[in-house]
Amino acid sequence: MRSLTEKLWLDVSLWSADLANLQQEIARLEPHADSFHVDACDGHYVPHLVFFPDLVARLRELTRVPFHLHLMATRPMDLLTAFLDAGVDRVTVPIECGKRVWQVLDHVHSKGKAAGISFELDTPVDLVRPFRSKIDTVVMMGTAIGVKGCELDERACDRVTAMKSLLDETPIRLVADGGIRQETAPLLRASGADGIVPGSLLCKSADVAETAKWLKSL
């Protein structure tokens, strides 16, 4: 298994920021974010509607921090081009989208952007095998996809460890998403996560700089 030699990657969730003051929030969070995690939903794959292309395009003007789009949609190709045009730097799509995943990855690469896949809690981790040459990121969900405020599932850490072994000797970044708390972040890091998607843990912190420093030290 690869050793964790780099600092923990902070893919900061904008969904957990103050949505009424995103310009100020981006300025407050960007010194500590390696990337901004942007959740996009179609209202079908998951029941929420969060970020949309025109909003992402406006936010793109406010920062040079990379935007990581997690595109949760039954028909991701219907939304993909608009988000790429809006300026996202990386697109992760659920592996559960089946054959559509290959279409998404190919289109993202054709635009010169990076691509990843995400795994829901019940999806076997070994399904990553045929995708390893096509992706630079794997997002492991530790809670139900598209839902905020849930506790980390008891299977999450073991699943991160299992995925880590499948990514051994590859440059693919393994990111844990969901249930990121003060007590769970160290467990996920110890299990093999290269990065996490901190939401309220960072965005609602009384001292963002100190919390980010602590996370980077894990």
N, C-alpha and C. Protein backbone atom coordinates (compact mmCIF):
# COMPACT_ATOMS: atom_id res chain seq x y z
N MET A 1 0.85 -1.20 0.00
CA MET A 1 0.00 0.00 0.00
C MET A 1 0.88 1.25 0.00
N ARG A 2 0.46 2.26 -0.74
CA ARG A 2 1.23 3.49 -0.78
C ARG A 2 1.25 4.15 0.59
N SER A 3 2.39 4.76 0.91
CA SER A 3 2.47 5.49 2.17
C SER A 3 1.86 6.88 1.99
N LEU A 4 1.34 7.42 3.07
CA LEU A 4 0.73 8.75 3.03
C LEU A 4 1.79 9.80 3.29
N THR A 5 2.49 10.17 2.23
CA THR A 5 3.61 11.09 2.37
C THR A 5 3.18 12.54 2.16
N GLU A 6 2.10 12.77 1.45
CA GLU A 6 1.65 14.13 1.18
C GLU A 6 0.64 14.57 2.24
N LYS A 7 0.50 15.87 2.37
CA LYS A 7 -0.51 16.38 3.29
C LYS A 7 -1.91 16.03 2.79
N LEU A 8 -2.81 15.88 3.73
CA LEU A 8 -4.18 15.54 3.40
C LEU A 8 -4.78 16.61 2.48
N TRP A 9 -5.34 16.17 1.36
CA TRP A 9 -5.95 17.05 0.38
C TRP A 9 -7.31 17.50 0.88
N LEU A 10 -7.55 18.80 0.92
CA LEU A 10 -8.82 19.34 1.39
C LEU A 10 -9.65 19.81 0.19
N ASP A 11 -10.65 19.00 -0.14
CA ASP A 11 -11.58 19.27 -1.24
C ASP A 11 -12.83 19.88 -0.60
N VAL A 12 -12.77 21.17 -0.34
CA VAL A 12 -13.73 21.83 0.55
C VAL A 12 -15.11 21.96 -0.11
N SER A 13 -16.13 21.50 0.60
CA SER A 13 -17.49 21.49 0.07
C SER A 13 -18.12 22.88 0.12
N LEU A 14 -18.44 23.43 -1.03
CA LEU A 14 -19.14 24.71 -1.07
C LEU A 14 -20.60 24.58 -0.67
N TRP A 15 -21.14 23.39 -0.71
CA TRP A 15 -22.52 23.17 -0.29
C TRP A 15 -22.68 23.48 1.20
N SER A 16 -21.59 23.32 1.96
CA SER A 16 -21.65 23.56 3.41
C SER A 16 -21.28 25.00 3.77
N ALA A 17 -20.90 25.79 2.78
CA ALA A 17 -20.60 27.20 3.03
C ALA A 17 -21.91 27.97 3.19
N ASP A 18 -21.80 29.25 3.55
CA ASP A 18 -22.98 30.11 3.66
C ASP A 18 -23.43 30.45 2.24
N LEU A 19 -24.50 29.83 1.80
CA LEU A 19 -24.94 29.96 0.42
C LEU A 19 -25.44 31.36 0.08
N ALA A 20 -25.75 32.15 1.10
CA ALA A 20 -26.18 33.52 0.86
C ALA A 20 -25.01 34.48 0.70
N ASN A 21 -23.81 33.98 0.97
CA ASN A 21 -22.62 34.85 0.92
C ASN A 21 -21.43 34.10 0.31
N LEU A 22 -21.64 33.51 -0.85
CA LEU A 22 -20.61 32.65 -1.42
C LEU A 22 -19.33 33.41 -1.80
N GLN A 23 -19.45 34.65 -2.22
CA GLN A 23 -18.24 35.40 -2.56
C GLN A 23 -17.35 35.56 -1.34
N GLN A 24 -17.93 35.94 -0.21
CA GLN A 24 -17.15 36.08 1.02
C GLN A 24 -16.64 34.73 1.52
N GLU A 25 -17.45 33.71 1.35
CA GLU A 25 -17.05 32.38 1.80
C GLU A 25 -15.86 31.85 1.01
N ILE A 26 -15.88 32.06 -0.29
CA ILE A 26 -14.75 31.61 -1.10
C ILE A 26 -13.48 32.34 -0.70
N ALA A 27 -13.57 33.63 -0.47
CA ALA A 27 -12.40 34.39 -0.03
C ALA A 27 -11.90 33.90 1.32
N ARG A 28 -12.82 33.51 2.20
CA ARG A 28 -12.44 33.04 3.54
C ARG A 28 -11.81 31.65 3.52
N LEU A 29 -12.30 30.81 2.61
CA LEU A 29 -11.88 29.41 2.61
C LEU A 29 -10.72 29.11 1.66
N GLU A 30 -10.53 29.94 0.62
CA GLU A 30 -9.56 29.59 -0.40
C GLU A 30 -8.12 29.47 0.09
N PRO A 31 -7.68 30.18 1.15
CA PRO A 31 -6.30 29.96 1.61
C PRO A 31 -6.05 28.54 2.14
N HIS A 32 -7.13 27.82 2.43
CA HIS A 32 -6.99 26.51 3.05
C HIS A 32 -7.48 25.37 2.16
N ALA A 33 -8.07 25.69 1.02
CA ALA A 33 -8.66 24.68 0.14
C ALA A 33 -7.69 24.29 -0.97
N ASP A 34 -7.48 22.99 -1.13
CA ASP A 34 -6.73 22.50 -2.30
C ASP A 34 -7.62 22.48 -3.53
N SER A 35 -8.89 22.30 -3.30
CA SER A 35 -9.89 22.42 -4.36
C SER A 35 -11.23 22.70 -3.68
N PHE A 36 -12.17 23.20 -4.47
CA PHE A 36 -13.54 23.39 -3.99
C PHE A 36 -14.41 22.29 -4.59
N HIS A 37 -15.12 21.59 -3.71
CA HIS A 37 -16.00 20.50 -4.12
C HIS A 37 -17.37 21.09 -4.43
N VAL A 38 -17.82 20.91 -5.66
CA VAL A 38 -19.08 21.48 -6.13
C VAL A 38 -20.04 20.34 -6.44
N ASP A 39 -21.10 20.21 -5.65
CA ASP A 39 -22.09 19.17 -5.87
C ASP A 39 -23.14 19.65 -6.86
N ALA A 40 -23.41 18.83 -7.86
CA ALA A 40 -24.44 19.13 -8.85
C ALA A 40 -25.37 17.94 -8.97
N CYS A 41 -26.65 18.19 -8.88
CA CYS A 41 -27.66 17.14 -8.90
C CYS A 41 -28.75 17.48 -9.90
N ASP A 42 -29.43 16.44 -10.36
CA ASP A 42 -30.50 16.65 -11.34
C ASP A 42 -31.90 16.53 -10.75
N GLY A 43 -32.00 16.25 -9.45
CA GLY A 43 -33.30 16.07 -8.83
C GLY A 43 -33.88 14.68 -9.03
N HIS A 44 -33.16 13.83 -9.76
CA HIS A 44 -33.60 12.46 -10.01
C HIS A 44 -32.64 11.44 -9.39
N TYR A 45 -31.38 11.55 -9.76
CA TYR A 45 -30.39 10.62 -9.19
C TYR A 45 -30.36 10.76 -7.67
N VAL A 46 -30.37 12.00 -7.21
CA VAL A 46 -30.60 12.31 -5.80
C VAL A 46 -31.67 13.42 -5.79
N PRO A 47 -32.38 13.59 -4.68
CA PRO A 47 -33.56 14.47 -4.70
C PRO A 47 -33.29 15.96 -4.59
N HIS A 48 -32.02 16.36 -4.57
CA HIS A 48 -31.72 17.77 -4.34
C HIS A 48 -31.32 18.47 -5.64
N LEU A 49 -31.40 19.78 -5.63
CA LEU A 49 -30.85 20.64 -6.67
C LEU A 49 -29.91 21.61 -5.97
N VAL A 50 -28.62 21.56 -6.31
CA VAL A 50 -27.66 22.38 -5.59
C VAL A 50 -27.04 23.40 -6.55
N PHE A 51 -25.84 23.18 -7.03
CA PHE A 51 -25.17 24.14 -7.90
C PHE A 51 -25.55 23.91 -9.35
N PHE A 52 -25.59 24.99 -10.11
CA PHE A 52 -25.96 24.93 -11.53
C PHE A 52 -24.92 25.70 -12.34
N PRO A 53 -24.83 25.47 -13.64
CA PRO A 53 -23.72 26.00 -14.43
C PRO A 53 -23.52 27.51 -14.36
N ASP A 54 -24.59 28.29 -14.46
CA ASP A 54 -24.42 29.75 -14.43
C ASP A 54 -23.83 30.23 -13.10
N LEU A 55 -24.23 29.60 -12.03
CA LEU A 55 -23.67 29.96 -10.72
C LEU A 55 -22.20 29.58 -10.64
N VAL A 56 -21.87 28.39 -11.14
CA VAL A 56 -20.47 27.96 -11.13
C VAL A 56 -19.61 28.89 -11.97
N ALA A 57 -20.13 29.33 -13.11
CA ALA A 57 -19.38 30.24 -13.97
C ALA A 57 -19.08 31.55 -13.26
N ARG A 58 -20.04 32.05 -12.49
CA ARG A 58 -19.81 33.30 -11.75
C ARG A 58 -18.81 33.07 -10.61
N LEU A 59 -18.92 31.96 -9.91
CA LEU A 59 -17.98 31.66 -8.83
C LEU A 59 -16.57 31.44 -9.38
N ARG A 60 -16.49 30.92 -10.58
CA ARG A 60 -15.18 30.68 -11.19
C ARG A 60 -14.37 31.97 -11.32
N GLU A 61 -15.05 33.10 -11.47
CA GLU A 61 -14.38 34.39 -11.60
C GLU A 61 -13.76 34.86 -10.29
N LEU A 62 -14.13 34.23 -9.19
CA LEU A 62 -13.74 34.73 -7.87
C LEU A 62 -12.48 34.08 -7.31
N THR A 63 -12.01 32.99 -7.91
CA THR A 63 -10.89 32.27 -7.32
C THR A 63 -10.17 31.43 -8.37
N ARG A 64 -8.89 31.17 -8.10
CA ARG A 64 -8.13 30.26 -8.95
C ARG A 64 -8.04 28.86 -8.37
N VAL A 65 -8.61 28.66 -7.19
CA VAL A 65 -8.64 27.32 -6.60
C VAL A 65 -9.43 26.39 -7.54
N PRO A 66 -8.91 25.21 -7.85
CA PRO A 66 -9.62 24.30 -8.77
C PRO A 66 -11.02 23.94 -8.27
N PHE A 67 -11.94 23.78 -9.22
CA PHE A 67 -13.29 23.34 -8.92
C PHE A 67 -13.42 21.86 -9.27
N HIS A 68 -13.85 21.07 -8.29
CA HIS A 68 -14.07 19.64 -8.48
C HIS A 68 -15.58 19.40 -8.49
N LEU A 69 -16.12 19.10 -9.64
CA LEU A 69 -17.55 18.88 -9.80
C LEU A 69 -17.90 17.43 -9.53
N HIS A 70 -18.80 17.19 -8.58
CA HIS A 70 -19.36 15.86 -8.35
C HIS A 70 -20.73 15.85 -9.00
N LEU A 71 -20.81 15.23 -10.17
CA LEU A 71 -22.00 15.30 -11.01
C LEU A 71 -22.89 14.09 -10.76
N MET A 72 -23.92 14.30 -9.96
CA MET A 72 -24.84 13.23 -9.57
C MET A 72 -26.11 13.36 -10.39
N ALA A 73 -26.15 12.66 -11.52
CA ALA A 73 -27.27 12.81 -12.45
C ALA A 73 -27.56 11.49 -13.14
N THR A 74 -28.81 11.24 -13.39
CA THR A 74 -29.20 10.02 -14.11
C THR A 74 -28.68 10.05 -15.54
N ARG A 75 -28.69 11.24 -16.14
CA ARG A 75 -28.16 11.41 -17.50
C ARG A 75 -27.08 12.51 -17.45
N PRO A 76 -25.90 12.17 -16.97
CA PRO A 76 -24.87 13.19 -16.73
C PRO A 76 -24.43 13.94 -17.98
N MET A 77 -24.52 13.30 -19.14
CA MET A 77 -24.09 13.97 -20.36
C MET A 77 -24.97 15.19 -20.68
N ASP A 78 -26.20 15.20 -20.19
CA ASP A 78 -27.10 16.33 -20.44
C ASP A 78 -26.61 17.60 -19.78
N LEU A 79 -25.85 17.46 -18.68
CA LEU A 79 -25.38 18.61 -17.91
C LEU A 79 -23.89 18.88 -18.06
N LEU A 80 -23.18 17.89 -18.54
CA LEU A 80 -21.72 17.93 -18.50
C LEU A 80 -21.11 19.11 -19.26
N THR A 81 -21.51 19.32 -20.49
CA THR A 81 -20.90 20.37 -21.31
C THR A 81 -21.07 21.75 -20.68
N ALA A 82 -22.24 22.01 -20.13
CA ALA A 82 -22.49 23.32 -19.52
C ALA A 82 -21.58 23.55 -18.32
N PHE A 83 -21.34 22.51 -17.53
CA PHE A 83 -20.45 22.67 -16.38
C PHE A 83 -18.99 22.80 -16.81
N LEU A 84 -18.60 22.08 -17.84
CA LEU A 84 -17.23 22.23 -18.35
C LEU A 84 -17.03 23.65 -18.89
N ASP A 85 -18.02 24.16 -19.60
CA ASP A 85 -17.94 25.53 -20.11
C ASP A 85 -17.91 26.55 -18.98
N ALA A 86 -18.50 26.20 -17.86
CA ALA A 86 -18.53 27.10 -16.71
C ALA A 86 -17.18 27.18 -16.00
N GLY A 87 -16.29 26.23 -16.30
CA GLY A 87 -14.94 26.34 -15.78
C GLY A 87 -14.52 25.35 -14.72
N VAL A 88 -15.25 24.24 -14.58
CA VAL A 88 -14.80 23.24 -13.61
C VAL A 88 -13.51 22.59 -14.13
N ASP A 89 -12.67 22.16 -13.20
CA ASP A 89 -11.36 21.61 -13.55
C ASP A 89 -11.32 20.09 -13.52
N ARG A 90 -12.21 19.50 -12.72
CA ARG A 90 -12.26 18.05 -12.58
C ARG A 90 -13.72 17.65 -12.44
N VAL A 91 -14.09 16.53 -13.07
CA VAL A 91 -15.46 16.03 -12.98
C VAL A 91 -15.42 14.61 -12.46
N THR A 92 -16.14 14.37 -11.38
CA THR A 92 -16.31 13.02 -10.85
C THR A 92 -17.76 12.61 -11.05
N VAL A 93 -17.95 11.40 -11.56
CA VAL A 93 -19.29 10.89 -11.84
C VAL A 93 -19.45 9.56 -11.11
N PRO A 94 -20.65 9.26 -10.59
CA PRO A 94 -20.85 7.99 -9.90
C PRO A 94 -20.66 6.79 -10.82
N ILE A 95 -19.91 5.81 -10.36
CA ILE A 95 -19.72 4.60 -11.15
C ILE A 95 -21.04 3.89 -11.38
N GLU A 96 -22.00 4.18 -10.52
CA GLU A 96 -23.31 3.56 -10.63
C GLU A 96 -24.08 4.02 -11.87
N CYS A 97 -23.55 5.01 -12.59
CA CYS A 97 -24.19 5.46 -13.83
C CYS A 97 -23.99 4.48 -14.98
N GLY A 98 -23.21 3.44 -14.74
CA GLY A 98 -23.05 2.39 -15.74
C GLY A 98 -22.28 2.82 -16.98
N LYS A 99 -22.80 2.47 -18.15
CA LYS A 99 -22.10 2.75 -19.40
C LYS A 99 -21.90 4.25 -19.63
N ARG A 100 -22.75 5.06 -19.04
CA ARG A 100 -22.62 6.51 -19.21
C ARG A 100 -21.30 7.03 -18.63
N VAL A 101 -20.73 6.29 -17.68
CA VAL A 101 -19.46 6.72 -17.08
C VAL A 101 -18.39 6.87 -18.15
N TRP A 102 -18.31 5.91 -19.04
CA TRP A 102 -17.27 5.97 -20.08
C TRP A 102 -17.47 7.18 -20.98
N GLN A 103 -18.71 7.49 -21.31
CA GLN A 103 -18.99 8.68 -22.11
C GLN A 103 -18.52 9.95 -21.40
N VAL A 104 -18.82 10.03 -20.12
CA VAL A 104 -18.42 11.20 -19.35
C VAL A 104 -16.91 11.33 -19.32
N LEU A 105 -16.21 10.25 -19.00
CA LEU A 105 -14.76 10.31 -18.91
C LEU A 105 -14.14 10.73 -20.23
N ASP A 106 -14.62 10.15 -21.32
CA ASP A 106 -14.06 10.48 -22.63
C ASP A 106 -14.31 11.95 -22.98
N HIS A 107 -15.50 12.44 -22.67
CA HIS A 107 -15.81 13.84 -23.01
C HIS A 107 -15.00 14.79 -22.14
N VAL A 108 -14.86 14.49 -20.87
CA VAL A 108 -14.06 15.33 -19.99
C VAL A 108 -12.62 15.39 -20.48
N HIS A 109 -12.07 14.26 -20.84
CA HIS A 109 -10.69 14.23 -21.33
C HIS A 109 -10.54 14.99 -22.65
N SER A 110 -11.58 14.93 -23.48
CA SER A 110 -11.51 15.63 -24.77
C SER A 110 -11.44 17.14 -24.59
N LYS A 111 -11.88 17.62 -23.43
CA LYS A 111 -11.83 19.04 -23.11
C LYS A 111 -10.60 19.41 -22.29
N GLY A 112 -9.71 18.43 -22.12
CA GLY A 112 -8.47 18.69 -21.41
C GLY A 112 -8.62 18.80 -19.91
N LYS A 113 -9.69 18.25 -19.35
CA LYS A 113 -9.93 18.32 -17.92
C LYS A 113 -9.71 16.95 -17.27
N ALA A 114 -9.60 16.95 -15.94
CA ALA A 114 -9.37 15.72 -15.20
C ALA A 114 -10.70 15.06 -14.85
N ALA A 115 -10.65 13.74 -14.62
CA ALA A 115 -11.88 12.99 -14.38
C ALA A 115 -11.70 12.00 -13.24
N GLY A 116 -12.82 11.74 -12.57
CA GLY A 116 -12.81 10.76 -11.49
C GLY A 116 -14.12 10.02 -11.43
N ILE A 117 -14.19 9.01 -10.55
CA ILE A 117 -15.44 8.28 -10.33
C ILE A 117 -15.68 8.19 -8.82
N SER A 118 -16.96 8.12 -8.45
CA SER A 118 -17.33 7.97 -7.05
C SER A 118 -18.03 6.63 -6.84
N PHE A 119 -17.95 6.16 -5.60
CA PHE A 119 -18.54 4.87 -5.23
C PHE A 119 -19.52 5.06 -4.08
N GLU A 120 -20.74 4.58 -4.26
CA GLU A 120 -21.69 4.55 -3.16
C GLU A 120 -21.36 3.40 -2.21
N LEU A 121 -22.01 3.40 -1.06
CA LEU A 121 -21.63 2.49 0.01
C LEU A 121 -21.80 1.01 -0.33
N ASP A 122 -22.76 0.68 -1.18
CA ASP A 122 -23.03 -0.72 -1.47
C ASP A 122 -22.36 -1.22 -2.75
N THR A 123 -21.57 -0.38 -3.40
CA THR A 123 -20.94 -0.75 -4.67
C THR A 123 -19.60 -1.42 -4.42
N PRO A 124 -19.37 -2.61 -5.00
CA PRO A 124 -18.08 -3.30 -4.80
C PRO A 124 -16.91 -2.45 -5.27
N VAL A 125 -15.87 -2.38 -4.45
CA VAL A 125 -14.74 -1.52 -4.79
C VAL A 125 -13.94 -2.04 -5.97
N ASP A 126 -13.97 -3.35 -6.23
CA ASP A 126 -13.15 -3.88 -7.31
C ASP A 126 -13.64 -3.47 -8.70
N LEU A 127 -14.81 -2.81 -8.76
CA LEU A 127 -15.29 -2.30 -10.05
C LEU A 127 -14.42 -1.15 -10.56
N VAL A 128 -13.50 -0.68 -9.73
CA VAL A 128 -12.60 0.38 -10.17
C VAL A 128 -11.58 -0.11 -11.21
N ARG A 129 -11.33 -1.39 -11.26
CA ARG A 129 -10.22 -1.93 -12.05
C ARG A 129 -10.15 -1.43 -13.49
N PRO A 130 -11.22 -1.52 -14.28
CA PRO A 130 -11.10 -1.09 -15.68
C PRO A 130 -10.97 0.41 -15.88
N PHE A 131 -11.19 1.18 -14.83
CA PHE A 131 -11.17 2.63 -14.95
C PHE A 131 -9.83 3.26 -14.54
N ARG A 132 -8.93 2.47 -13.98
CA ARG A 132 -7.75 3.05 -13.35
C ARG A 132 -6.88 3.87 -14.30
N SER A 133 -6.87 3.53 -15.57
CA SER A 133 -6.05 4.29 -16.53
C SER A 133 -6.76 5.55 -17.03
N LYS A 134 -8.03 5.73 -16.63
CA LYS A 134 -8.84 6.83 -17.15
C LYS A 134 -9.09 7.94 -16.14
N ILE A 135 -8.69 7.72 -14.89
CA ILE A 135 -9.10 8.64 -13.83
C ILE A 135 -7.90 9.08 -13.00
N ASP A 136 -8.05 10.21 -12.31
CA ASP A 136 -7.02 10.63 -11.36
C ASP A 136 -7.57 10.76 -9.95
N THR A 137 -8.88 10.48 -9.78
CA THR A 137 -9.54 10.62 -8.48
C THR A 137 -10.58 9.54 -8.30
N VAL A 138 -10.63 8.98 -7.09
CA VAL A 138 -11.74 8.13 -6.67
C VAL A 138 -12.33 8.73 -5.41
N VAL A 139 -13.63 8.98 -5.43
CA VAL A 139 -14.33 9.50 -4.27
C VAL A 139 -15.13 8.36 -3.64
N MET A 140 -14.85 8.09 -2.37
CA MET A 140 -15.55 7.05 -1.65
C MET A 140 -16.59 7.69 -0.74
N MET A 141 -17.85 7.40 -1.00
CA MET A 141 -18.92 7.93 -0.16
C MET A 141 -18.97 7.17 1.16
N GLY A 142 -19.02 7.94 2.25
CA GLY A 142 -19.13 7.34 3.57
C GLY A 142 -20.52 7.49 4.16
N THR A 143 -21.41 8.12 3.39
CA THR A 143 -22.81 8.30 3.77
C THR A 143 -23.64 8.12 2.50
N ALA A 144 -24.96 8.17 2.64
CA ALA A 144 -25.81 8.15 1.46
C ALA A 144 -25.45 9.32 0.55
N ILE A 145 -25.42 9.08 -0.74
CA ILE A 145 -24.99 10.10 -1.68
C ILE A 145 -26.02 11.23 -1.76
N GLY A 146 -25.52 12.47 -1.81
CA GLY A 146 -26.39 13.62 -2.00
C GLY A 146 -27.16 14.04 -0.77
N VAL A 147 -26.74 13.58 0.41
CA VAL A 147 -27.43 13.91 1.65
C VAL A 147 -26.43 14.51 2.64
N LYS A 148 -26.76 15.65 3.22
CA LYS A 148 -25.88 16.28 4.20
C LYS A 148 -26.25 15.88 5.62
N GLY A 149 -25.27 15.98 6.52
CA GLY A 149 -25.55 15.84 7.95
C GLY A 149 -25.63 14.44 8.48
N CYS A 150 -25.28 13.43 7.68
CA CYS A 150 -25.34 12.04 8.13
C CYS A 150 -24.05 11.64 8.84
N GLU A 151 -24.16 10.66 9.72
CA GLU A 151 -22.98 10.12 10.39
C GLU A 151 -22.27 9.14 9.47
N LEU A 152 -20.96 9.01 9.67
CA LEU A 152 -20.16 8.11 8.85
C LEU A 152 -20.63 6.67 9.02
N ASP A 153 -20.85 5.99 7.90
CA ASP A 153 -21.26 4.60 7.93
C ASP A 153 -20.14 3.73 8.50
N GLU A 154 -20.50 2.70 9.24
CA GLU A 154 -19.50 1.85 9.89
C GLU A 154 -18.64 1.09 8.90
N ARG A 155 -19.08 0.99 7.65
CA ARG A 155 -18.30 0.29 6.62
C ARG A 155 -17.27 1.17 5.94
N ALA A 156 -17.36 2.47 6.15
CA ALA A 156 -16.61 3.42 5.32
C ALA A 156 -15.09 3.23 5.40
N CYS A 157 -14.56 3.11 6.59
CA CYS A 157 -13.10 3.02 6.73
C CYS A 157 -12.56 1.76 6.08
N ASP A 158 -13.23 0.62 6.27
CA ASP A 158 -12.78 -0.62 5.65
C ASP A 158 -12.85 -0.52 4.12
N ARG A 159 -13.84 0.18 3.62
CA ARG A 159 -13.96 0.34 2.17
C ARG A 159 -12.84 1.23 1.62
N VAL A 160 -12.48 2.26 2.38
CA VAL A 160 -11.35 3.10 1.97
C VAL A 160 -10.07 2.26 1.91
N THR A 161 -9.84 1.44 2.91
CA THR A 161 -8.64 0.59 2.93
C THR A 161 -8.64 -0.37 1.76
N ALA A 162 -9.79 -0.97 1.46
CA ALA A 162 -9.87 -1.90 0.34
C ALA A 162 -9.61 -1.21 -0.98
N MET A 163 -10.16 -0.01 -1.15
CA MET A 163 -9.91 0.74 -2.38
C MET A 163 -8.45 1.15 -2.48
N LYS A 164 -7.87 1.54 -1.37
CA LYS A 164 -6.47 1.95 -1.37
C LYS A 164 -5.58 0.84 -1.92
N SER A 165 -5.86 -0.39 -1.53
CA SER A 165 -5.04 -1.51 -2.01
C SER A 165 -5.19 -1.71 -3.51
N LEU A 166 -6.36 -1.39 -4.06
CA LEU A 166 -6.57 -1.52 -5.49
C LEU A 166 -5.91 -0.40 -6.28
N LEU A 167 -5.64 0.71 -5.62
CA LEU A 167 -5.01 1.85 -6.28
C LEU A 167 -3.50 1.89 -6.04
N ASP A 168 -2.97 0.88 -5.38
CA ASP A 168 -1.55 0.84 -5.06
C ASP A 168 -0.71 1.02 -6.31
N GLU A 169 0.33 1.84 -6.19
CA GLU A 169 1.26 2.11 -7.30
C GLU A 169 0.61 2.88 -8.44
N THR A 170 -0.49 3.56 -8.18
CA THR A 170 -1.08 4.44 -9.18
C THR A 170 -1.06 5.86 -8.63
N PRO A 171 -1.17 6.87 -9.50
CA PRO A 171 -1.22 8.26 -9.01
C PRO A 171 -2.63 8.74 -8.69
N ILE A 172 -3.56 7.82 -8.55
CA ILE A 172 -4.96 8.19 -8.32
C ILE A 172 -5.16 8.64 -6.88
N ARG A 173 -5.78 9.80 -6.71
CA ARG A 173 -6.05 10.33 -5.36
C ARG A 173 -7.35 9.72 -4.83
N LEU A 174 -7.30 9.22 -3.60
CA LEU A 174 -8.45 8.60 -2.96
C LEU A 174 -9.04 9.59 -1.95
N VAL A 175 -10.29 10.00 -2.20
CA VAL A 175 -10.93 11.06 -1.41
C VAL A 175 -12.15 10.50 -0.70
N ALA A 176 -12.26 10.76 0.59
CA ALA A 176 -13.42 10.34 1.39
C ALA A 176 -14.41 11.49 1.47
N ASP A 177 -15.69 11.18 1.20
CA ASP A 177 -16.74 12.20 1.16
C ASP A 177 -17.92 11.73 2.00
N GLY A 178 -18.35 12.59 2.93
CA GLY A 178 -19.51 12.28 3.74
C GLY A 178 -19.13 11.86 5.15
N GLY A 179 -19.82 12.43 6.12
CA GLY A 179 -19.57 12.07 7.51
C GLY A 179 -18.24 12.53 8.04
N ILE A 180 -17.70 13.62 7.49
CA ILE A 180 -16.39 14.11 7.91
C ILE A 180 -16.57 14.92 9.20
N ARG A 181 -16.08 14.37 10.29
CA ARG A 181 -16.19 15.00 11.60
C ARG A 181 -14.81 15.02 12.26
N GLN A 182 -14.72 15.70 13.37
CA GLN A 182 -13.44 15.76 14.09
C GLN A 182 -12.96 14.37 14.47
N GLU A 183 -13.89 13.49 14.81
CA GLU A 183 -13.49 12.15 15.23
C GLU A 183 -13.32 11.18 14.06
N THR A 184 -13.92 11.48 12.90
CA THR A 184 -13.83 10.55 11.77
C THR A 184 -12.72 10.88 10.79
N ALA A 185 -12.34 12.15 10.68
CA ALA A 185 -11.28 12.51 9.74
C ALA A 185 -9.98 11.74 10.01
N PRO A 186 -9.51 11.64 11.27
CA PRO A 186 -8.29 10.85 11.52
C PRO A 186 -8.46 9.38 11.15
N LEU A 187 -9.66 8.82 11.37
CA LEU A 187 -9.89 7.41 11.04
C LEU A 187 -9.82 7.17 9.54
N LEU A 188 -10.41 8.07 8.78
CA LEU A 188 -10.38 7.94 7.33
C LEU A 188 -8.98 8.12 6.79
N ARG A 189 -8.23 9.04 7.37
CA ARG A 189 -6.84 9.24 6.95
C ARG A 189 -6.01 7.99 7.24
N ALA A 190 -6.19 7.43 8.44
CA ALA A 190 -5.44 6.24 8.81
C ALA A 190 -5.84 5.04 7.95
N SER A 191 -7.06 5.06 7.42
CA SER A 191 -7.53 3.96 6.57
C SER A 191 -6.98 4.04 5.16
N GLY A 192 -6.41 5.20 4.80
CA GLY A 192 -5.79 5.32 3.49
C GLY A 192 -6.26 6.47 2.63
N ALA A 193 -7.13 7.31 3.16
CA ALA A 193 -7.61 8.44 2.35
C ALA A 193 -6.49 9.45 2.10
N ASP A 194 -6.35 9.86 0.85
CA ASP A 194 -5.40 10.91 0.48
C ASP A 194 -6.02 12.30 0.66
N GLY A 195 -7.35 12.34 0.66
CA GLY A 195 -8.06 13.61 0.79
C GLY A 195 -9.42 13.38 1.40
N ILE A 196 -10.04 14.46 1.82
CA ILE A 196 -11.40 14.42 2.35
C ILE A 196 -12.18 15.59 1.79
N VAL A 197 -13.51 15.50 1.92
CA VAL A 197 -14.39 16.59 1.53
C VAL A 197 -14.96 17.19 2.82
N PRO A 198 -14.23 18.13 3.43
CA PRO A 198 -14.74 18.72 4.67
C PRO A 198 -15.86 19.70 4.37
N GLY A 199 -16.96 19.54 5.11
CA GLY A 199 -18.08 20.46 4.97
C GLY A 199 -18.17 21.35 6.18
N SER A 200 -19.13 21.07 7.05
CA SER A 200 -19.33 21.91 8.23
C SER A 200 -18.13 21.88 9.16
N LEU A 201 -17.37 20.79 9.16
CA LEU A 201 -16.20 20.71 10.03
C LEU A 201 -15.27 21.90 9.79
N LEU A 202 -15.11 22.30 8.55
CA LEU A 202 -14.25 23.43 8.22
C LEU A 202 -15.06 24.72 8.09
N CYS A 203 -16.17 24.65 7.35
CA CYS A 203 -16.92 25.87 7.05
C CYS A 203 -17.54 26.50 8.29
N LYS A 204 -17.91 25.69 9.26
CA LYS A 204 -18.54 26.21 10.47
C LYS A 204 -17.55 26.32 11.63
N SER A 205 -16.29 26.10 11.36
CA SER A 205 -15.28 26.17 12.42
C SER A 205 -15.13 27.59 12.95
N ALA A 206 -14.91 27.70 14.25
CA ALA A 206 -14.65 29.01 14.85
C ALA A 206 -13.29 29.55 14.46
N ASP A 207 -12.40 28.65 14.05
CA ASP A 207 -11.05 29.03 13.61
C ASP A 207 -10.70 28.18 12.40
N VAL A 208 -11.06 28.67 11.23
CA VAL A 208 -10.87 27.90 10.00
C VAL A 208 -9.40 27.56 9.78
N ALA A 209 -8.53 28.53 10.00
CA ALA A 209 -7.09 28.30 9.76
C ALA A 209 -6.56 27.19 10.66
N GLU A 210 -6.95 27.20 11.92
CA GLU A 210 -6.47 26.19 12.86
C GLU A 210 -7.03 24.81 12.53
N THR A 211 -8.29 24.75 12.15
CA THR A 211 -8.89 23.48 11.77
C THR A 211 -8.23 22.92 10.52
N ALA A 212 -7.99 23.78 9.53
CA ALA A 212 -7.32 23.33 8.31
C ALA A 212 -5.90 22.85 8.61
N LYS A 213 -5.21 23.56 9.47
CA LYS A 213 -3.85 23.15 9.85
C LYS A 213 -3.86 21.78 10.50
N TRP A 214 -4.83 21.56 11.39
CA TRP A 214 -4.94 20.25 12.04
C TRP A 214 -5.22 19.15 11.02
N LEU A 215 -6.14 19.39 10.12
CA LEU A 215 -6.45 18.38 9.11
C LEU A 215 -5.24 18.06 8.25
N LYS A 216 -4.49 19.08 7.87
CA LYS A 216 -3.31 18.87 7.04
C LYS A 216 -2.23 18.07 7.79
N SER A 217 -2.29 18.11 9.11
CA SER A 217 -1.26 17.42 9.90
C SER A 217 -1.54 15.94 10.07
N LEU A 218 -2.76 15.50 9.71
CA LEU A 218 -3.13 14.09 9.92
C LEU A 218 -2.30 13.16 9.05
